[in-house]
C-alpha atoms as a PDB file:
ATOM      1  CA  MET A   1       0.000   0.000   0.000  1.00  0.00           C
ATOM      2  CA  LEU A   2       1.485   3.311  -1.113  1.00  0.00           C
ATOM      3  CA  ARG A   3       0.376   6.606   0.361  1.00  0.00           C
ATOM      4  CA  ARG A   4       1.477   9.312  -2.037  1.00  0.00           C
ATOM      5  CA  PRO A   5       1.688  13.048  -1.230  1.00  0.00           C
ATOM      6  CA  VAL A   6      -0.362  15.488  -3.298  1.00  0.00           C
ATOM      7  CA  ARG A   7       2.824  17.155  -4.548  1.00  0.00           C
ATOM      8  CA  ALA A   8       6.151  15.623  -5.520  1.00  0.00           C
ATOM      9  CA  PRO A   9       7.471  13.787  -2.434  1.00  0.00           C
ATOM     10  CA  SER A  10      10.503  15.103  -0.581  1.00  0.00           C
ATOM     11  CA  ALA A  11      11.417  11.541   0.407  1.00  0.00           C
ATOM     12  CA  GLY A  12      10.043   8.051   0.752  1.00  0.00           C
ATOM     13  CA  VAL A  13       9.763   5.730   3.734  1.00  0.00           C
ATOM     14  CA  VAL A  14       9.272   1.972   3.960  1.00  0.00           C
ATOM     15  CA  LEU A  15       7.334   1.010   7.092  1.00  0.00           C
ATOM     16  CA  VAL A  16       8.130  -2.483   8.364  1.00  0.00           C
ATOM     17  CA  HIS A  17       5.801  -4.134  10.856  1.00  0.00           C
ATOM     18  CA  ALA A  18       6.978  -6.590  13.481  1.00  0.00           C
ATOM     19  CA  PRO A  19       6.391 -10.308  12.911  1.00  0.00           C
ATOM     20  CA  GLY A  20       3.307 -10.910  15.026  1.00  0.00           C
ATOM     21  CA  GLU A  21       1.257  -7.966  13.741  1.00  0.00           C
ATOM     22  CA  ASN A  22       0.278  -6.815  10.252  1.00  0.00           C
ATOM     23  CA  ARG A  23       1.099  -3.755   8.190  1.00  0.00           C
ATOM     24  CA  THR A  24      -1.268  -1.535  10.191  1.00  0.00           C
ATOM     25  CA  GLY A  25       0.791  -2.057  13.354  1.00  0.00           C
ATOM     26  CA  ASN A  26      -0.589  -2.340  16.862  1.00  0.00           C
ATOM     27  CA  ASN A  27      -3.257   0.272  17.550  1.00  0.00           C
ATOM     28  CA  TYR A  28      -2.975   1.137  13.836  1.00  0.00           C
ATOM     29  CA  PHE A  29       0.213   3.032  14.593  1.00  0.00           C
ATOM     30  CA  LEU A  30       1.989   2.318  11.297  1.00  0.00           C
ATOM     31  CA  SER A  31      -1.127   2.847   9.194  1.00  0.00           C
ATOM     32  CA  ASN A  32      -1.873   6.209  10.782  1.00  0.00           C
ATOM     33  CA  ALA A  33       1.793   7.195  10.602  1.00  0.00           C
ATOM     34  CA  ALA A  34       1.856   6.443   6.872  1.00  0.00           C
ATOM     35  CA  SER A  35      -1.166   8.670   6.241  1.00  0.00           C
ATOM     36  CA  LEU A  36       0.294  11.547   8.234  1.00  0.00           C
ATOM     37  CA  MET A  37       3.680  11.195   6.546  1.00  0.00           C
ATOM     38  CA  ALA A  38       2.013  11.439   3.129  1.00  0.00           C
ATOM     39  CA  GLU A  39       0.183  14.581   4.252  1.00  0.00           C
ATOM     40  CA  GLN A  40       3.579  16.033   5.182  1.00  0.00           C
ATOM     41  CA  GLY A  41       5.175  15.262   1.809  1.00  0.00           C
ATOM     42  CA  ILE A  42       6.768  11.866   2.456  1.00  0.00           C
ATOM     43  CA  ALA A  43       5.626   8.929   0.323  1.00  0.00           C
ATOM     44  CA  ALA A  44       5.015   5.971   2.619  1.00  0.00           C
ATOM     45  CA  VAL A  45       4.731   2.321   1.663  1.00  0.00           C
ATOM     46  CA  SER A  46       3.705  -0.577   3.876  1.00  0.00           C
ATOM     47  CA  PHE A  47       3.128  -4.241   3.121  1.00  0.00           C
ATOM     48  CA  HIS A  48       2.537  -7.557   4.807  1.00  0.00           C
ATOM     49  CA  LEU A  49       5.607  -9.583   5.643  1.00  0.00           C
ATOM     50  CA  SER A  50       5.389 -13.115   4.320  1.00  0.00           C
ATOM     51  CA  GLY A  51       3.059 -15.226   6.463  1.00  0.00           C
ATOM     52  CA  PHE A  52       1.153 -12.304   7.992  1.00  0.00           C
ATOM     53  CA  GLY A  53      -2.009 -10.438   7.093  1.00  0.00           C
ATOM     54  CA  ASP A  54      -3.000 -11.151   3.492  1.00  0.00           C
ATOM     55  CA  ASP A  55       0.323 -12.809   2.664  1.00  0.00           C
ATOM     56  CA  LEU A  56       0.105 -16.588   2.906  1.00  0.00           C
ATOM     57  CA  GLY A  57       3.812 -17.208   2.265  1.00  0.00           C
ATOM     58  CA  LEU A  58       6.418 -18.745   4.529  1.00  0.00           C
ATOM     59  CA  LYS A  59       7.385 -17.134   7.818  1.00  0.00           C
ATOM     60  CA  ASP A  60      11.067 -16.828   7.029  1.00  0.00           C
ATOM     61  CA  ALA A  61      13.572 -14.110   8.011  1.00  0.00           C
ATOM     62  CA  GLU A  62      15.431 -14.326   4.695  1.00  0.00           C
ATOM     63  CA  VAL A  63      12.212 -13.827   2.743  1.00  0.00           C
ATOM     64  CA  TRP A  64      11.281 -10.874   4.971  1.00  0.00           C
ATOM     65  CA  GLY A  65      14.663  -9.266   4.305  1.00  0.00           C
ATOM     66  CA  GLU A  66      14.207  -9.715   0.562  1.00  0.00           C
ATOM     67  CA  GLN A  67      10.756  -8.135   0.767  1.00  0.00           C
ATOM     68  CA  VAL A  68      12.049  -5.079   2.607  1.00  0.00           C
ATOM     69  CA  ALA A  69      14.917  -4.597   0.148  1.00  0.00           C
ATOM     70  CA  ALA A  70      12.536  -4.952  -2.812  1.00  0.00           C
ATOM     71  CA  ALA A  71      10.133  -2.422  -1.301  1.00  0.00           C
ATOM     72  CA  GLY A  72      12.989   0.046  -0.881  1.00  0.00           C
ATOM     73  CA  ALA A  73      14.151  -0.375  -4.486  1.00  0.00           C
ATOM     74  CA  TRP A  74      10.591  -0.006  -5.807  1.00  0.00           C
ATOM     75  CA  LEU A  75       9.910   3.100  -3.726  1.00  0.00           C
ATOM     76  CA  SER A  76      13.194   4.655  -4.842  1.00  0.00           C
ATOM     77  CA  ALA A  77      11.931   4.571  -8.429  1.00  0.00           C
ATOM     78  CA  GLU A  78       8.551   5.958  -7.351  1.00  0.00           C
ATOM     79  CA  VAL A  79      10.084   9.011  -5.642  1.00  0.00           C
ATOM     80  CA  ALA A  80      12.432   9.738  -8.529  1.00  0.00           C
ATOM     81  CA  GLY A  81      15.725   9.409  -6.727  1.00  0.00           C
ATOM     82  CA  ARG A  82      14.779  11.185  -3.515  1.00  0.00           C
ATOM     83  CA  PRO A  83      16.017   9.554  -0.276  1.00  0.00           C
ATOM     84  CA  VAL A  84      14.208   6.416   0.832  1.00  0.00           C
ATOM     85  CA  HIS A  85      14.227   5.735   4.569  1.00  0.00           C
ATOM     86  CA  PHE A  86      13.172   2.677   6.562  1.00  0.00           C
ATOM     87  CA  VAL A  87      11.232   2.577   9.835  1.00  0.00           C
ATOM     88  CA  ALA A  88      10.792  -0.818  11.507  1.00  0.00           C
ATOM     89  CA  ARG A  89       8.858  -1.751  14.621  1.00  0.00           C
ATOM     90  CA  GLY A  90      10.102  -4.257  17.174  1.00  0.00           C
ATOM     91  CA  VAL A  91      11.995  -7.259  15.840  1.00  0.00           C
ATOM     92  CA  GLY A  92      11.147  -6.088  12.328  1.00  0.00           C
ATOM     93  CA  ALA A  93      14.364  -4.079  12.674  1.00  0.00           C
ATOM     94  CA  ALA A  94      16.274  -7.334  12.198  1.00  0.00           C
ATOM     95  CA  VAL A  95      15.271  -7.490   8.525  1.00  0.00           C
ATOM     96  CA  LEU A  96      16.242  -3.947   7.574  1.00  0.00           C
ATOM     97  CA  PRO A  97      18.799  -3.706   4.747  1.00  0.00           C
ATOM     98  CA  GLU A  98      22.275  -4.536   5.983  1.00  0.00           C
ATOM     99  CA  GLN A  99      23.712  -1.546   4.141  1.00  0.00           C
ATOM    100  CA  ALA A 100      21.830   1.751   4.323  1.00  0.00           C
ATOM    101  CA  GLY A 101      22.431   2.826   0.722  1.00  0.00           C
ATOM    102  CA  LEU A 102      19.109   4.512   0.112  1.00  0.00           C
ATOM    103  CA  GLY A 103      18.573   6.492   3.322  1.00  0.00           C
ATOM    104  CA  GLN A 104      18.331   6.319   7.093  1.00  0.00           C
ATOM    105  CA  ARG A 105      17.116   3.289   9.048  1.00  0.00           C
ATOM    106  CA  VAL A 106      15.113   3.777  12.253  1.00  0.00           C
ATOM    107  CA  ALA A 107      14.187   0.994  14.683  1.00  0.00           C
ATOM    108  CA  ILE A 108      11.313   1.509  17.124  1.00  0.00           C
ATOM    109  CA  SER A 109      11.911  -0.408  20.351  1.00  0.00           C
ATOM    110  CA  PRO A 110      14.053  -3.187  18.857  1.00  0.00           C
ATOM    111  CA  PRO A 111      14.589  -6.212  21.125  1.00  0.00           C
ATOM    112  CA  THR A 112      18.023  -7.662  21.794  1.00  0.00           C
ATOM    113  CA  ALA A 113      19.232 -10.947  20.368  1.00  0.00           C
ATOM    114  CA  GLU A 114      19.074 -12.422  23.880  1.00  0.00           C
ATOM    115  CA  GLU A 115      15.413 -11.494  24.259  1.00  0.00           C
ATOM    116  CA  VAL A 116      14.480 -13.151  20.989  1.00  0.00           C
ATOM    117  CA  ARG A 117      16.479 -16.278  21.847  1.00  0.00           C
ATOM    118  CA  ALA A 118      14.664 -16.458  25.179  1.00  0.00           C
ATOM    119  CA  LEU A 119      11.367 -16.656  23.344  1.00  0.00           C
ATOM    120  CA  ALA A 120      12.735 -19.186  20.860  1.00  0.00           C
ATOM    121  CA  ALA A 121      13.679 -21.388  23.814  1.00  0.00           C
ATOM    122  CA  THR A 122       9.969 -21.895  24.537  1.00  0.00           C
ATOM    123  CA  SER A 123       9.499 -23.829  21.285  1.00  0.00           C
ATOM    124  CA  CYS A 124       7.645 -27.125  21.123  1.00  0.00           C
ATOM    125  CA  GLU A 125       8.633 -29.355  18.209  1.00  0.00           C
ATOM    126  CA  GLY A 126      10.137 -26.435  16.309  1.00  0.00           C
ATOM    127  CA  THR A 127       7.216 -24.025  16.746  1.00  0.00           C
ATOM    128  CA  ILE A 128       6.734 -21.184  19.201  1.00  0.00           C
ATOM    129  CA  THR A 129       3.074 -20.851  20.138  1.00  0.00           C
ATOM    130  CA  GLY A 130       1.553 -17.990  22.086  1.00  0.00           C
ATOM    131  CA  VAL A 131      -0.926 -18.784  24.818  1.00  0.00           C
ATOM    132  CA  HIS A 132      -3.712 -16.738  26.349  1.00  0.00           C
ATOM    133  CA  PRO A 133      -3.595 -15.362  28.928  1.00  0.00           C
ATOM    134  CA  CYS A 134       0.032 -14.489  28.315  1.00  0.00           C
ATOM    135  CA  PRO A 135       2.250 -14.895  31.423  1.00  0.00           C
ATOM    136  CA  PRO A 136       3.814 -11.561  32.484  1.00  0.00           C
ATOM    137  CA  ASP A 137       7.371 -12.873  32.106  1.00  0.00           C
ATOM    138  CA  VAL A 138       6.916 -13.514  28.376  1.00  0.00           C
ATOM    139  CA  ALA A 139       4.461 -10.719  27.519  1.00  0.00           C
ATOM    140  CA  ALA A 140       7.306  -8.264  26.810  1.00  0.00           C
ATOM    141  CA  LEU A 141       8.942 -10.718  24.411  1.00  0.00           C
ATOM    142  CA  TRP A 142       5.744 -11.229  22.440  1.00  0.00           C
ATOM    143  CA  SER A 143       5.254  -7.473  22.461  1.00  0.00           C
ATOM    144  CA  ALA A 144       8.603  -7.104  20.675  1.00  0.00           C
ATOM    145  CA  LEU A 145       7.190  -9.401  18.009  1.00  0.00           C
ATOM    146  CA  GLY A 146       4.218  -7.105  17.541  1.00  0.00           C
ATOM    147  CA  ALA A 147       1.649  -8.976  19.595  1.00  0.00           C
ATOM    148  CA  GLU A 148      -0.587  -7.293  22.150  1.00  0.00           C
ATOM    149  CA  PRO A 149      -0.698  -9.490  25.293  1.00  0.00           C
ATOM    150  CA  ASN A 150      -4.443 -10.014  24.900  1.00  0.00           C
ATOM    151  CA  LEU A 151      -3.967 -11.188  21.295  1.00  0.00           C
ATOM    152  CA  VAL A 152      -1.063 -13.590  21.765  1.00  0.00           C
ATOM    153  CA  GLY A 153      -3.186 -16.733  21.917  1.00  0.00           C
ATOM    154  CA  GLY A 154      -3.022 -18.673  18.647  1.00  0.00           C
ATOM    155  CA  LEU A 155       0.054 -16.936  17.217  1.00  0.00           C
ATOM    156  CA  GLN A 156       2.738 -19.284  15.950  1.00  0.00           C
ATOM    157  CA  LEU A 157       6.265 -18.721  14.683  1.00  0.00           C
ATOM    158  CA  PRO A 158       8.866 -21.226  13.482  1.00  0.00           C
ATOM    159  CA  GLU A 159      11.792 -21.620  15.856  1.00  0.00           C
ATOM    160  CA  LYS A 160      14.156 -21.247  12.885  1.00  0.00           C
ATOM    161  CA  ALA A 161      12.682 -17.847  12.003  1.00  0.00           C
ATOM    162  CA  LEU A 162      13.320 -16.570  15.532  1.00  0.00           C
ATOM    163  CA  ALA A 163      16.832 -18.016  15.557  1.00  0.00           C
ATOM    164  CA  ASP A 164      17.602 -16.252  12.273  1.00  0.00           C
ATOM    165  CA  LEU A 165      16.184 -12.972  13.603  1.00  0.00           C
ATOM    166  CA  ALA A 166      18.298 -13.274  16.743  1.00  0.00           C
ATOM    167  CA  ALA A 167      21.421 -13.804  14.645  1.00  0.00           C
ATOM    168  CA  ARG A 168      20.639 -10.688  12.604  1.00  0.00           C
ATOM    169  CA  LEU A 169      20.163  -8.665  15.790  1.00  0.00           C
ATOM    170  CA  GLU A 170      23.740  -9.422  16.887  1.00  0.00           C
ATOM    171  CA  SER A 171      24.860  -6.570  14.620  1.00  0.00           C
ATOM    172  CA  PRO A 172      22.230  -3.801  14.474  1.00  0.00           C
ATOM    173  CA  ARG A 173      20.996  -3.072  10.951  1.00  0.00           C
ATOM    174  CA  TRP A 174      19.742   0.397  11.801  1.00  0.00           C
ATOM    175  CA  ASP A 175      21.221   3.861  12.202  1.00  0.00           C
ATOM    176  CA  HIS A 176      18.870   5.300  14.819  1.00  0.00           C
ATOM    177  CA  GLU A 177      16.448   3.873  17.342  1.00  0.00           C
ATOM    178  CA  VAL A 178      13.504   4.953  19.456  1.00  0.00           C
ATOM    179  CA  VAL A 179      13.704   3.513  22.970  1.00  0.00           C
ATOM    180  CA  PRO A 180      12.081   4.203  26.348  1.00  0.00           C
ATOM    181  CA  LYS A 181      14.180   5.986  28.947  1.00  0.00           C
ATOM    182  CA  GLY A 182      16.160   3.560  31.028  1.00  0.00           C
ATOM    183  CA  ARG A 183      16.608   0.942  28.314  1.00  0.00           C
ATOM    184  CA  ASP A 184      20.110   0.365  26.990  1.00  0.00           C
ATOM    185  CA  ALA A 185      20.465   1.520  23.398  1.00  0.00           C
ATOM    186  CA  GLN A 186      22.110  -0.633  20.743  1.00  0.00           C
ATOM    187  CA  VAL A 187      23.266   2.273  18.543  1.00  0.00           C
ATOM    188  CA  ARG A 188      24.622   5.693  19.431  1.00  0.00           C
ATOM    189  CA  SER A 189      21.898   7.753  17.755  1.00  0.00           C
ATOM    190  CA  ARG A 190      18.577   7.462  19.550  1.00  0.00           C
ATOM    191  CA  ILE A 191      15.300   9.153  20.398  1.00  0.00           C
ATOM    192  CA  LEU A 192      14.238   8.706  24.007  1.00  0.00           C
ATOM    193  CA  LEU A 193      10.617   8.491  25.066  1.00  0.00           C
ATOM    194  CA  PRO A 194       9.368   8.515  28.655  1.00  0.00           C
ATOM    195  CA  ALA A 195       6.775   5.793  27.981  1.00  0.00           C
ATOM    196  CA  ASP A 196       7.571   2.207  28.887  1.00  0.00           C
ATOM    197  CA  ASP A 197       5.232   0.935  26.184  1.00  0.00           C
ATOM    198  CA  LEU A 198       6.426   2.108  22.776  1.00  0.00           C
ATOM    199  CA  LEU A 199       3.340   0.650  21.149  1.00  0.00           C
ATOM    200  CA  VAL A 200       1.902   3.819  22.715  1.00  0.00           C
ATOM    201  CA  ARG A 201      -1.713   3.062  23.530  1.00  0.00           C
ATOM    202  CA  MET A 202      -2.516   6.759  23.959  1.00  0.00           C
ATOM    203  CA  GLN A 203      -3.343   8.481  20.665  1.00  0.00           C
ATOM    204  CA  THR A 204      -1.544  11.671  21.736  1.00  0.00           C
ATOM    205  CA  THR A 205       1.691   9.740  22.243  1.00  0.00           C
ATOM    206  CA  ARG A 206       1.372   7.923  18.912  1.00  0.00           C
ATOM    207  CA  LEU A 207       0.790  11.235  17.166  1.00  0.00           C
ATOM    208  CA  GLY A 208       3.763  12.828  18.923  1.00  0.00           C
ATOM    209  CA  LEU A 209       6.053   9.973  17.943  1.00  0.00           C
ATOM    210  CA  THR A 210       4.897  10.157  14.324  1.00  0.00           C
ATOM    211  CA  LEU A 211       5.500  13.906  14.118  1.00  0.00           C
ATOM    212  CA  THR A 212       8.937  13.431  15.662  1.00  0.00           C
ATOM    213  CA  LEU A 213       9.783  10.808  13.044  1.00  0.00           C
ATOM    214  CA  ILE A 214       8.556  13.077  10.248  1.00  0.00           C
ATOM    215  CA  GLU A 215      10.803  15.944  11.340  1.00  0.00           C
ATOM    216  CA  PHE A 216      13.678  13.548  11.843  1.00  0.00           C
ATOM    217  CA  LEU A 217      13.348  12.082   8.346  1.00  0.00           C
ATOM    218  CA  ARG A 218      12.977  15.543   6.850  1.00  0.00           C
ATOM    219  CA  SER A 219      16.327  16.511   8.313  1.00  0.00           C
ATOM    220  CA  TRP A 220      17.925  13.732   6.208  1.00  0.00           C
ATOM    221  CA  SER A 221      16.045  14.560   2.994  1.00  0.00           C
END
């Protein structure tokens, strides 16, 4: 889905959802962000990672990485050579392009490799299955995968996919990150938010984060 500005775009952005949600993001954060970015002159594209939403493909980290790279190349042609940035939520940051090339890469609350491996360790016969109600000690891990605690039940991910994501997280594939205050950052450039929950349930916080991202991306365009 491409949201195109009325006038020629100043830049483009690929929005990457976390495995465990769809392209709208939790609380429709990514969908609303895309619309607002287009209103502010930034062409925004979002899509379903393989195995989520309308995409019935394999849940595979390599396929997800190929999808993100292809989306970036396609959007680059659409915006006629203007910068193309990437914004990924949660563990979706693991499948950002390894080399920036097109523009800046921003990760929103990316988990660590250790956190993802901890979830992978709960696998049963090669599959990680979410249960409802979600125990508090694993709720944060599922949240990093894009799953609201009350929606975890029924979600399944291959253990191999999580292992591959964890391996990719060993070396951050992003230039900047948005993290809550008090959490250790994985890269030097970061935006700090006071909220513990970066899925930001309050509309005012989601709007504020989106506007911050817009101004940030504009500074690189």
